[in-house]
């Protein structure tokens, strides 16, 4: 194939035809042709040469040129593509370092191998341009619903034609045992669009909670207009789902709006999700109230919230237990996903037994330590006293409200409690010294001798050791392993030390040791407060 003898306009016609077919810029195809011709010319003239090809966008004429760059004498490495200043003076009037000398060379004849190579270059460039076009088109559609046609199914994954590209619906993103045939229409949620070596990969999903959120947005105008907001969604795809909604207009019932006239709106979503049953729940800022709603249709007697551990205890009547838990734990699992809390469900009988056990343990504690009879110890527990510290250091008036307790009796109770605590502290201090605890740790403000014993038993025996501890090592915390929340016990957790207290104690130890500048600590704290204030204002 000789460029000189071919119809020069044929190049432009070919470029336009390919561009129309692939829906890309014709200029990109022409650039690909120029690169392919330049590569063929290099194989003819020599790979060391800098051969460039320019195709006239109007006439289609291809011009072959050789480019040489002016460099310093000692930098001359490739004489085929570079010139020294002295050599350049033969061709240029006043050559300078970095100037280029361009001369036209005869067009090359494309042999069979060169033509095949040129074709490969053009195809590669066209594919890259097509991928870029697809990525730019679909990257902003992530997080939306898209309609497509099923092309084929490969190993359980469904390939979907979405217009100007292909998307993939993976096996684990399908609802239940859905199966599709080529040509079936399908509606999916665009979960992710990524640029990969094989081109942009469009990942679809029908099991994502966001899919249900978007379906309700399409069916309920109030959600689209932001009068109603979907606050949370939890799904067991193909089986059951819970969706929490809130209305910002007092005149509109969020649940009723989502259900629609005779259930028309929610039924449209149910049909799309292969009959997935949907519980629509009013959202509430008060977590216990929201949880009571989330556990519908079960009735809840009492809710106990532990915000620090992000756990919640729910007490239900005995006959409501199976309904609250649901089939295979489905109801409580979805309620947990919806609220973001771990939920423990117990019956009224179980809760009563636990409270009775705690009552008996506290009664026995006061009987053993304060030398009280059972009746008097039960009175203390009934008034809400849970430990010796409360008895020893509470205001006298709080003891005098107990029936049969006068000032002398109250003073005697506090004296016994204080003496017992002091004796325990002395024993703990002696034990801490046996374990090798340093005086600097025993004298540290905020640490009791019992705390020092717990630290020393774990190898923390000096102030330096204590200063290297992390706050969660002292106060404990929660981590997620294999999708399950796991409790990490802290060294001082049983003494009621929380994360903030642990952090303050560790930072105080570091300041005492000179590891941290207290002024920097204050400025950092002020910056944090300013950021928090700005966030609150926003």
Protein backbone atom coordinates (compact mmCIF):
# COMPACT_ATOMS: atom_id res chain seq x y z
CA UNK A 1 0.00 0.00 0.00
CA UNK A 2 1.57 3.25 -1.13
CA UNK A 3 0.35 6.44 0.51
CA UNK A 4 1.19 8.42 -2.61
CA UNK A 5 -0.95 6.33 -4.91
CA UNK A 6 -3.95 5.91 -2.56
CA UNK A 7 -6.88 8.20 -2.58
CA UNK A 8 -5.81 10.70 0.05
CA UNK A 9 -9.39 11.58 1.02
CA UNK A 10 -9.95 7.92 1.88
CA UNK A 11 -8.01 8.41 5.14
CA UNK A 12 -10.39 11.14 6.29
CA UNK A 13 -13.45 9.19 5.21
CA UNK A 14 -12.26 6.15 7.14
CA UNK A 15 -11.55 8.27 10.23
CA UNK A 16 -15.02 9.82 10.14
CA UNK A 17 -16.71 6.44 9.65
CA UNK A 18 -14.87 4.90 12.62
CA UNK A 19 -15.58 7.97 14.79
CA UNK A 20 -19.29 7.81 14.00
CA UNK A 21 -19.44 4.10 14.74
CA UNK A 22 -17.63 4.40 18.07
CA UNK A 23 -19.10 7.82 18.92
CA UNK A 24 -15.74 9.46 19.50
CA UNK A 25 -13.96 12.55 18.13
CA UNK A 26 -12.76 12.04 14.49
CA UNK A 27 -9.60 13.95 15.43
CA UNK A 28 -8.62 11.13 17.79
CA UNK A 29 -8.86 8.62 14.94
CA UNK A 30 -6.72 10.81 12.66
CA UNK A 31 -4.10 11.12 15.46
CA UNK A 32 -4.10 7.33 15.78
CA UNK A 33 -3.50 7.06 12.01
CA UNK A 34 -0.63 9.55 12.22
CA UNK A 35 1.00 7.55 15.01
CA UNK A 36 0.56 4.26 13.14
CA UNK A 37 2.10 5.70 9.94
CA UNK A 38 4.99 7.17 11.97
CA UNK A 39 5.65 3.78 13.53
CA UNK A 40 5.66 2.15 10.07
CA UNK A 41 8.06 4.81 8.79
CA UNK A 42 10.46 4.20 11.70
CA UNK A 43 10.61 0.54 10.79
CA UNK A 44 11.63 1.63 7.28
CA UNK A 45 14.05 4.48 8.10
CA UNK A 46 15.34 3.29 11.49
CA UNK A 47 13.96 3.20 15.01
CA UNK A 48 16.52 5.80 16.20
CA UNK A 49 15.02 8.48 13.98
CA UNK A 50 12.31 10.83 15.21
CA UNK A 51 9.85 10.42 12.34
CA UNK A 52 6.53 12.24 12.57
CA UNK A 53 3.50 12.16 10.30
CA UNK A 54 0.94 14.90 9.81
CA UNK A 55 -2.34 14.32 7.95
CA UNK A 56 -4.00 17.40 6.51
CA UNK A 57 -7.51 17.57 7.98
CA UNK A 58 -8.95 18.94 4.69
CA UNK A 59 -7.10 17.15 1.87
CA UNK A 60 -6.04 13.99 3.64
CA UNK A 61 -2.45 14.39 2.45
CA UNK A 62 0.06 12.67 4.74
CA UNK A 63 3.37 14.51 5.27
CA UNK A 64 6.36 12.56 6.62
CA UNK A 65 9.02 14.60 8.47
CA UNK A 66 12.26 13.88 10.28
CA UNK A 67 12.89 15.96 13.40
CA UNK A 68 16.33 16.57 14.93
CA UNK A 69 16.97 18.51 18.15
CA UNK A 70 19.98 20.78 18.77
CA UNK A 71 21.97 19.70 21.84
CA UNK A 72 25.36 20.44 23.40
CA UNK A 73 28.38 18.55 22.06
CA UNK A 74 28.86 16.39 25.16
CA UNK A 75 25.16 15.48 25.30
CA UNK A 76 24.98 14.10 21.77
CA UNK A 77 23.90 10.47 22.08
CA UNK A 78 21.62 9.76 19.15
CA UNK A 79 23.02 11.33 16.01
CA UNK A 80 19.93 10.26 14.05
CA UNK A 81 17.62 12.46 16.14
CA UNK A 82 20.05 15.06 17.54
CA UNK A 83 22.47 17.71 16.21
CA UNK A 84 25.27 19.68 17.73
CA UNK A 85 25.25 23.46 17.32
CA UNK A 86 28.10 23.20 14.81
CA UNK A 87 26.28 20.61 12.71
CA UNK A 88 23.04 22.62 12.81
CA UNK A 89 24.76 25.66 11.26
CA UNK A 90 24.69 23.80 7.92
CA UNK A 91 20.89 24.00 7.93
CA UNK A 92 20.00 26.89 10.26
CA UNK A 93 21.15 30.50 10.43
CA UNK A 94 21.47 30.90 14.22
CA UNK A 95 20.89 27.55 15.96
CA UNK A 96 20.43 27.43 19.75
CA UNK A 97 20.25 24.58 22.24
CA UNK A 98 16.74 23.11 22.13
CA UNK A 99 15.92 24.24 18.57
CA UNK A 100 14.57 21.61 16.19
CA UNK A 101 15.40 21.08 12.53
CA UNK A 102 12.54 19.59 10.53
CA UNK A 103 12.99 18.11 7.05
CA UNK A 104 10.50 16.29 4.92
CA UNK A 105 11.26 12.70 3.94
CA UNK A 106 9.73 10.57 1.17
CA UNK A 107 6.53 8.69 2.10
CA UNK A 108 6.99 5.01 2.80
CA UNK A 109 5.31 2.06 1.17
CA UNK A 110 3.42 0.00 3.71
CA UNK A 111 4.19 -3.68 3.43
CA UNK A 112 1.89 -6.36 4.76
CA UNK A 113 3.50 -6.47 8.23
CA UNK A 114 3.72 -2.68 8.51
CA UNK A 115 0.09 -2.31 7.45
CA UNK A 116 -0.98 -4.89 10.05
CA UNK A 117 1.02 -3.06 12.73
CA UNK A 118 -0.54 0.26 11.72
CA UNK A 119 -4.00 -1.28 11.95
CA UNK A 120 -3.27 -2.56 15.46
CA UNK A 121 -2.14 0.89 16.60
CA UNK A 122 -5.28 2.49 15.20
CA UNK A 123 -7.53 -0.10 16.84
CA UNK A 124 -5.74 0.32 20.18
CA UNK A 125 -6.09 4.11 20.09
CA UNK A 126 -9.73 3.88 19.10
CA UNK A 127 -10.41 1.47 21.97
CA UNK A 128 -8.70 3.81 24.45
CA UNK A 129 -10.72 6.77 23.17
CA UNK A 130 -13.90 4.71 23.44
CA UNK A 131 -13.07 3.72 27.03
CA UNK A 132 -12.41 7.33 27.99
CA UNK A 133 -15.70 8.37 26.44
CA UNK A 134 -17.57 5.62 28.31
CA UNK A 135 -15.92 6.49 31.62
CA UNK A 136 -16.69 10.21 31.28
CA UNK A 137 -20.29 9.38 30.41
CA UNK A 138 -20.96 6.95 33.25
CA UNK A 139 -18.75 8.22 36.11
CA UNK A 140 -21.39 10.76 37.16
CA UNK A 141 -24.15 8.15 37.06
CA UNK A 142 -22.77 6.20 40.03
CA UNK A 143 -25.40 6.23 42.76
CA UNK A 144 -28.34 6.32 40.34
CA UNK A 145 -30.71 3.77 38.82
CA UNK A 146 -30.13 2.67 35.25
CA UNK A 147 -32.22 0.63 32.80
CA UNK A 148 -30.64 -1.85 30.42
CA UNK A 149 -31.03 -4.98 28.36
CA UNK A 150 -29.56 -8.34 29.34
CA UNK A 151 -26.94 -9.40 26.77
CA UNK A 152 -25.72 -12.67 28.25
CA UNK A 153 -24.99 -14.49 31.49
CA UNK A 154 -21.47 -15.67 32.35
CA UNK A 155 -20.88 -17.91 35.37
CA UNK A 156 -23.86 -16.38 37.16
CA UNK A 157 -22.80 -12.81 36.35
CA UNK A 158 -25.16 -10.86 34.08
CA UNK A 159 -23.73 -8.63 31.34
CA UNK A 160 -26.09 -5.70 30.75
CA UNK A 161 -26.22 -3.42 27.73
CA UNK A 162 -26.68 0.10 29.13
CA UNK A 163 -26.67 1.99 25.83
CA UNK A 164 -23.16 3.19 25.09
CA UNK A 165 -21.43 0.52 27.08
CA UNK A 166 -21.67 -2.72 28.99
CA UNK A 167 -22.15 -3.17 32.72
CA UNK A 168 -21.88 -6.20 34.97
CA UNK A 169 -24.34 -7.42 37.59
CA UNK A 170 -22.41 -9.88 39.72
CA UNK A 171 -23.94 -13.03 41.11
CA UNK A 172 -23.86 -11.78 44.71
CA UNK A 173 -25.59 -8.54 43.70
CA UNK A 174 -28.68 -10.32 42.35
CA UNK A 175 -31.81 -10.78 44.46
CA UNK A 176 -32.29 -14.38 45.57
CA UNK A 177 -32.26 -16.78 42.67
CA UNK A 178 -33.06 -14.29 39.91
CA UNK A 179 -32.32 -15.53 36.41
CA UNK A 180 -32.40 -13.53 33.19
CA UNK A 181 -32.50 -14.35 29.51
CA UNK A 182 -30.92 -12.32 26.70
CA UNK A 183 -33.18 -9.43 25.75
CA UNK A 184 -34.84 -9.10 29.19
CA UNK A 185 -35.20 -5.55 30.47
CA UNK A 186 -33.51 -4.95 33.84
CA UNK A 187 -33.35 -2.07 36.30
CA UNK A 188 -30.27 -1.78 38.54
CA UNK A 189 -28.41 0.56 40.85
CA UNK A 190 -25.03 1.83 39.56
CA UNK A 191 -22.84 0.90 42.53
CA UNK A 192 -19.45 1.88 41.15
CA UNK A 193 -17.71 3.04 37.96
CA UNK A 194 -13.98 2.37 37.81
CA UNK A 195 -11.36 2.96 35.13
CA UNK A 196 -9.47 -0.30 34.60
CA UNK A 197 -7.03 -1.68 32.04
CA UNK A 198 -9.82 -3.43 30.18
CA UNK A 199 -11.82 -0.20 30.08
CA UNK A 200 -14.33 1.37 32.42
CA UNK A 201 -16.03 -1.24 34.55
CA UNK A 202 -19.63 -0.39 35.49
CA UNK A 203 -20.73 -2.43 38.49
CA UNK A 204 -24.45 -2.82 39.08
CA UNK A 205 -26.41 -4.00 42.11
CA UNK A 206 -29.95 -5.00 42.98
CA UNK A 207 -29.21 -5.90 46.62
CA UNK A 208 -27.71 -2.58 47.78
CA UNK A 209 -29.81 -0.63 50.33
CA UNK A 210 -29.31 2.43 48.11
CA UNK A 211 -31.26 0.67 45.34
CA UNK A 212 -34.38 0.66 47.53
CA UNK A 213 -33.74 4.28 48.54
CA UNK A 214 -33.61 5.35 44.87
CA UNK A 215 -36.71 3.30 43.98
CA UNK A 216 -38.70 5.10 46.67
CA UNK A 217 -37.32 8.39 45.39
CA UNK A 218 -38.74 7.55 41.95
CA UNK A 219 -42.14 6.46 43.29
CA UNK A 220 -42.66 9.08 46.03
CA UNK A 221 -42.62 12.71 44.79
CA UNK A 222 -42.27 14.01 48.36
CA UNK A 223 -38.90 12.23 48.70
CA UNK A 224 -37.73 13.63 45.34
CA UNK A 225 -38.77 17.13 46.51
CA UNK A 226 -36.92 16.62 49.85
CA UNK A 227 -40.12 17.06 51.89
CA UNK A 228 -39.59 13.50 53.15
CA UNK A 229 -36.13 12.07 53.75
CA UNK A 230 -35.09 8.44 53.86
CA UNK A 231 -32.82 8.34 56.93
CA UNK A 232 -31.83 4.66 56.91
CA UNK A 233 -32.40 1.44 54.98
CA UNK A 234 -31.73 -2.16 56.04
CA UNK A 235 -32.33 -5.08 53.70
CA UNK A 236 -32.36 -8.83 53.63
CA UNK A 237 -32.52 -8.91 49.80
CA UNK A 238 -35.48 -10.77 48.37
CA UNK A 239 -37.01 -11.40 51.80
CA UNK A 240 -37.58 -8.38 54.03
CA UNK A 241 -36.50 -4.78 54.45
CA UNK A 242 -36.96 -1.87 56.84
CA UNK A 243 -36.83 1.75 55.78
CA UNK A 244 -36.85 4.73 58.18
CA UNK A 245 -38.38 7.99 56.94
CA UNK A 246 -38.97 11.46 58.39
CA UNK A 247 -41.17 14.31 57.16
CA UNK A 248 -40.10 17.96 57.30
CA UNK A 249 -43.72 19.08 56.77
CA UNK A 250 -45.99 18.57 59.77
CA UNK A 251 -48.96 18.21 57.43
CA UNK A 252 -47.51 15.16 55.64
CA UNK A 253 -47.37 11.70 57.18
CA UNK A 254 -44.07 10.14 55.96
CA UNK A 255 -45.27 6.55 56.32
CA UNK A 256 -48.58 7.21 54.56
CA UNK A 257 -46.87 9.08 51.73
CA UNK A 258 -44.49 6.18 51.12
CA UNK A 259 -47.31 3.62 51.23
CA UNK A 260 -49.46 5.59 48.79
CA UNK A 261 -53.14 5.26 47.93
CA UNK A 262 -54.15 1.66 48.67
CA UNK A 263 -50.44 0.81 48.90
CA UNK A 264 -49.76 1.70 45.25
CA UNK A 265 -46.37 3.33 45.82
CA UNK A 266 -44.85 0.72 48.10
CA UNK A 267 -46.32 -2.06 45.95
CA UNK A 268 -44.46 -0.73 42.91
CA UNK A 269 -41.18 -1.03 44.86
CA UNK A 270 -42.12 -4.49 46.17
CA UNK A 271 -42.82 -5.72 42.63
CA UNK A 272 -39.45 -4.46 41.41
CA UNK A 273 -37.72 -6.26 44.31
CA UNK A 274 -39.30 -9.65 43.61
CA UNK A 275 -41.86 -9.44 46.41
CA UNK A 276 -39.50 -8.23 49.17
CA UNK A 277 -41.66 -7.25 52.17
CA UNK A 278 -41.01 -3.69 53.32
CA UNK A 279 -41.63 -2.22 56.81
CA UNK A 280 -41.84 1.59 56.63
CA UNK A 281 -40.86 3.09 59.99
CA UNK A 282 -41.06 6.70 61.26
CA UNK A 283 -37.56 7.89 62.17
CA UNK A 284 -36.97 9.52 65.56
CA UNK A 285 -33.95 11.32 67.02
CA UNK A 286 -34.53 9.57 70.34
CA UNK A 287 -32.71 6.25 69.84
CA UNK A 288 -34.86 4.13 72.20
CA UNK A 289 -38.08 5.44 70.58
CA UNK A 290 -36.67 4.79 67.11
CA UNK A 291 -35.68 1.26 68.15
CA UNK A 292 -39.17 0.53 69.48
CA UNK A 293 -40.49 1.56 66.05
CA UNK A 294 -37.82 -0.48 64.25
CA UNK A 295 -38.74 -3.68 66.10
CA UNK A 296 -42.31 -3.55 64.85
CA UNK A 297 -44.52 -5.56 64.79
CA UNK A 298 -43.19 -6.73 68.19
CA UNK A 299 -44.18 -4.80 71.34
CA UNK A 300 -41.38 -3.53 73.62
CA UNK A 301 -41.71 -3.18 77.40
CA UNK A 302 -38.43 -1.39 78.19
CA UNK A 303 -35.28 -0.15 76.49
CA UNK A 304 -31.87 0.31 78.19
CA UNK A 305 -29.29 2.21 76.10
CA UNK A 306 -25.50 2.00 76.62
CA UNK A 307 -24.28 4.81 74.33
CA UNK A 308 -20.58 4.30 75.08
CA UNK A 309 -20.62 0.65 74.00
CA UNK A 310 -23.19 1.34 71.27
CA UNK A 311 -25.30 -1.48 72.66
CA UNK A 312 -28.95 -1.53 73.61
CA UNK A 313 -30.99 -3.92 75.74
CA UNK A 314 -34.62 -4.48 74.83
CA UNK A 315 -37.09 -6.11 77.19
CA UNK A 316 -40.19 -7.66 75.60
CA UNK A 317 -43.12 -9.65 77.02
CA UNK A 318 -42.49 -13.40 77.04
CA UNK A 319 -45.02 -14.07 74.28
CA UNK A 320 -43.44 -11.37 72.05
CA UNK A 321 -39.89 -12.79 72.08
CA UNK A 322 -40.13 -14.89 68.91
CA UNK A 323 -41.85 -12.03 67.06
CA UNK A 324 -39.16 -9.53 68.12
CA UNK A 325 -36.32 -11.84 67.06
CA UNK A 326 -38.06 -12.85 63.84
CA UNK A 327 -37.49 -15.83 61.61
CA UNK A 328 -33.80 -16.79 61.81
CA UNK A 329 -33.17 -13.55 63.72
CA UNK A 330 -34.22 -11.45 60.74
CA UNK A 331 -36.30 -8.84 62.56
CA UNK A 332 -33.71 -7.98 65.21
CA UNK A 333 -30.88 -8.11 62.64
CA UNK A 334 -32.60 -5.58 60.38
CA UNK A 335 -33.44 -3.35 63.36
CA UNK A 336 -29.76 -3.48 64.38
CA UNK A 337 -28.65 -2.46 60.87
CA UNK A 338 -31.21 0.33 60.81
CA UNK A 339 -30.15 1.86 64.15
CA UNK A 340 -26.43 1.03 63.96
CA UNK A 341 -26.53 -0.52 67.44
CA UNK A 342 -26.00 -4.01 68.80
CA UNK A 343 -29.30 -5.20 70.26
CA UNK A 344 -29.75 -7.68 73.09
CA UNK A 345 -33.31 -8.95 73.45
CA UNK A 346 -34.55 -10.51 76.67
CA UNK A 347 -37.94 -11.38 78.11
CA UNK A 348 -39.46 -9.70 81.13
CA UNK A 349 -38.84 -12.90 83.11
CA UNK A 350 -35.13 -12.97 82.19
CA UNK A 351 -34.75 -9.29 83.04
CA UNK A 352 -36.51 -9.83 86.37
CA UNK A 353 -34.14 -12.69 87.22
CA UNK A 354 -31.12 -10.59 86.34
CA UNK A 355 -32.29 -7.67 88.45
CA UNK A 356 -32.98 -10.03 91.34
CA UNK A 357 -29.48 -11.49 91.03
CA UNK A 358 -27.90 -8.00 91.05
CA UNK A 359 -30.03 -7.08 94.08
CA UNK A 360 -28.85 -10.16 95.97
CA UNK A 361 -25.18 -9.57 95.06
CA UNK A 362 -25.27 -5.95 96.29
CA UNK A 363 -27.12 -6.95 99.43
CA UNK A 364 -24.45 -9.56 100.20
CA UNK A 365 -21.70 -6.99 99.52
CA UNK A 366 -23.08 -4.61 102.16
CA UNK A 367 -23.68 -7.45 104.62
CA UNK A 368 -20.08 -8.70 104.32
CA UNK A 369 -18.24 -5.38 104.27
CA UNK A 370 -20.36 -3.21 106.60
CA UNK A 371 -21.40 -5.96 109.06
CA UNK A 372 -25.12 -5.33 108.45
CA UNK A 373 -28.10 -7.62 108.75
CA UNK A 374 -29.93 -8.64 105.58
CA UNK A 375 -32.88 -6.29 106.08
CA UNK A 376 -30.70 -3.19 106.53
CA UNK A 377 -28.51 -4.13 103.53
CA UNK A 378 -31.64 -4.54 101.38
CA UNK A 379 -32.78 -1.07 102.42
CA UNK A 380 -29.51 0.41 101.13
CA UNK A 381 -29.82 -1.41 97.80
CA UNK A 382 -33.47 -0.38 97.45
CA UNK A 383 -32.45 3.27 97.84
CA UNK A 384 -30.10 2.91 94.85
CA UNK A 385 -26.72 2.39 96.55
CA UNK A 386 -24.60 0.08 94.40
CA UNK A 387 -21.10 0.17 95.95
CA UNK A 388 -19.16 1.10 99.08
CA UNK A 389 -17.80 4.37 97.63
CA UNK A 390 -21.33 5.73 97.36
CA UNK A 391 -22.04 4.90 101.02
CA UNK A 392 -18.70 6.25 102.25
CA UNK A 393 -18.66 9.61 100.50
CA UNK A 394 -22.32 10.45 99.82
CA UNK A 395 -23.93 13.47 101.49
CA UNK A 396 -25.33 12.61 104.93
CA UNK A 397 -28.83 13.74 103.90
CA UNK A 398 -29.07 10.93 101.33
CA UNK A 399 -28.60 8.35 104.09
CA UNK A 400 -31.05 10.04 106.44
CA UNK A 401 -33.95 9.53 104.00
CA UNK A 402 -33.76 5.76 104.66
CA UNK A 403 -36.37 4.58 107.14
CA UNK A 404 -34.88 3.98 110.58
CA UNK A 405 -31.56 5.78 109.88
CA UNK A 406 -30.65 8.69 112.17
CA UNK A 407 -27.50 10.83 112.18
CA UNK A 408 -25.56 8.47 114.46
CA UNK A 409 -26.45 5.43 112.33
CA UNK A 410 -25.53 7.28 109.11
CA UNK A 411 -22.19 8.40 110.57
CA UNK A 412 -21.45 4.84 111.71
CA UNK A 413 -22.27 3.49 108.21
CA UNK A 414 -19.93 5.98 106.56
CA UNK A 415 -17.14 5.28 109.09
CA UNK A 416 -17.35 1.53 108.47
CA UNK A 417 -17.37 2.02 104.70
CA UNK A 418 -14.40 4.42 104.79
CA UNK A 419 -12.37 2.17 107.10
CA UNK A 420 -13.01 -0.84 104.86
CA UNK A 421 -11.99 1.11 101.71
CA UNK A 422 -8.83 2.41 103.42
CA UNK A 423 -7.87 -1.10 104.49
CA UNK A 424 -8.38 -2.37 100.93
CA UNK A 425 -6.26 0.51 99.61
CA UNK A 426 -3.41 -0.36 102.02
CA UNK A 427 -3.50 -4.01 100.95
CA UNK A 428 -3.57 -3.03 97.28
CA UNK A 429 -0.61 -0.67 97.74
CA UNK A 430 1.40 -3.42 99.42
CA UNK A 431 0.49 -5.81 96.60
CA UNK A 432 1.49 -3.22 93.99
CA UNK A 433 4.92 -2.81 95.58
CA UNK A 434 5.34 -6.59 95.62
CA UNK A 435 4.67 -6.58 91.87
CA UNK A 436 7.38 -3.92 91.40
CA UNK A 437 5.17 -0.86 90.86
CA UNK A 438 7.20 2.38 91.01
CA UNK A 439 6.44 5.17 93.52
CA UNK A 440 5.88 7.59 90.63
CA UNK A 441 2.98 5.42 89.45
CA UNK A 442 1.52 5.00 92.98
CA UNK A 443 1.66 8.77 93.49
CA UNK A 444 0.06 9.59 90.14
CA UNK A 445 -3.16 11.56 90.66
CA UNK A 446 -6.22 9.69 89.45
CA UNK A 447 -4.82 6.17 89.96
CA UNK A 448 -5.98 4.24 93.01
CA UNK A 449 -3.79 1.47 94.49
CA UNK A 450 -6.22 -1.10 93.05
CA UNK A 451 -5.72 0.43 89.59
CA UNK A 452 -1.94 0.31 90.01
CA UNK A 453 -2.20 -3.40 90.88
CA UNK A 454 -4.17 -4.07 87.69
CA UNK A 455 -1.55 -2.15 85.67
CA UNK A 456 1.42 -3.84 87.35
CA UNK A 457 -0.06 -7.31 86.76
CA UNK A 458 -0.03 -6.45 83.04
CA UNK A 459 3.57 -5.20 83.10
CA UNK A 460 2.87 -1.45 83.45
CA UNK A 461 5.05 -0.65 86.49
CA UNK A 462 6.49 2.84 85.93
CA UNK A 463 5.21 6.24 84.86
CA UNK A 464 7.11 5.76 81.56
CA UNK A 465 5.25 2.49 80.95
CA UNK A 466 1.95 4.21 81.69
CA UNK A 467 2.72 7.11 79.34
CA UNK A 468 3.21 4.72 76.42
CA UNK A 469 -0.27 3.17 76.86
CA UNK A 470 -3.04 3.95 74.38
CA UNK A 471 -6.34 5.22 75.74
CA UNK A 472 -8.23 2.14 74.45
CA UNK A 473 -5.75 -0.16 76.23
CA UNK A 474 -6.82 1.41 79.51
CA UNK A 475 -10.53 2.06 78.91
CA UNK A 476 -11.32 -0.75 76.47
CA UNK A 477 -13.29 -0.46 73.25
CA UNK A 478 -14.99 -2.24 70.41
CA UNK A 479 -13.52 -3.57 67.18
CA UNK A 480 -15.12 -5.24 64.17
CA UNK A 481 -13.84 -8.68 63.18
CA UNK A 482 -15.43 -10.64 60.34
CA UNK A 483 -18.45 -8.33 60.46
CA UNK A 484 -18.98 -8.92 64.21
CA UNK A 485 -18.40 -6.33 66.95
CA UNK A 486 -15.87 -7.71 69.45
CA UNK A 487 -15.19 -6.26 72.92
CA UNK A 488 -11.61 -5.36 73.90
CA UNK A 489 -11.31 -5.24 77.69
CA UNK A 490 -9.30 -2.32 79.09
CA UNK A 491 -6.88 -2.59 82.01
CA UNK A 492 -8.83 0.04 84.00
CA UNK A 493 -12.27 -0.51 82.48
CA UNK A 494 -13.63 -2.33 85.54
CA UNK A 495 -12.86 0.82 87.60
CA UNK A 496 -15.21 2.91 85.42
CA UNK A 497 -12.47 4.73 83.46
CA UNK A 498 -13.80 5.92 80.08
CA UNK A 499 -11.81 6.83 76.94
CA UNK A 500 -11.70 10.56 77.67
CA UNK A 501 -10.43 10.04 81.23
CA UNK A 502 -7.83 7.53 80.00
CA UNK A 503 -6.63 9.95 77.33
CA UNK A 504 -6.32 12.81 79.85
CA UNK A 505 -4.33 10.66 82.29
CA UNK A 506 -1.93 9.42 79.60
CA UNK A 507 -1.34 12.98 78.29
CA UNK A 508 -0.77 14.23 81.86
CA UNK A 509 1.88 11.52 82.35
CA UNK A 510 3.58 12.51 79.09
CA UNK A 511 3.65 16.17 80.17
CA UNK A 512 5.13 15.19 83.57
CA UNK A 513 7.88 13.24 81.79
CA UNK A 514 8.60 16.14 79.44
CA UNK A 515 7.56 14.21 76.33
CA UNK A 516 4.85 16.74 75.46
CA UNK A 517 4.95 20.54 75.71
CA UNK A 518 1.91 21.64 77.77
CA UNK A 519 1.60 24.85 75.69
CA UNK A 520 1.30 22.81 72.50
CA UNK A 521 -1.31 20.65 74.24
CA UNK A 522 -3.36 23.75 75.14
CA UNK A 523 -3.11 25.25 71.62
CA UNK A 524 -4.08 21.90 70.08
CA UNK A 525 -7.08 21.68 72.41
CA UNK A 526 -8.14 25.24 71.48
CA UNK A 527 -7.86 24.44 67.75
CA UNK A 528 -10.02 21.34 68.25
CA UNK A 529 -12.64 23.41 70.08
CA UNK A 530 -12.60 26.04 67.31
CA UNK A 531 -13.07 23.35 64.64
CA UNK A 532 -15.93 21.84 66.62
CA UNK A 533 -17.55 25.30 66.95
CA UNK A 534 -17.19 25.96 63.21
CA UNK A 535 -18.73 22.57 62.38
CA UNK A 536 -21.63 23.26 64.75
CA UNK A 537 -22.22 26.68 63.16
CA UNK A 538 -22.17 25.17 59.68
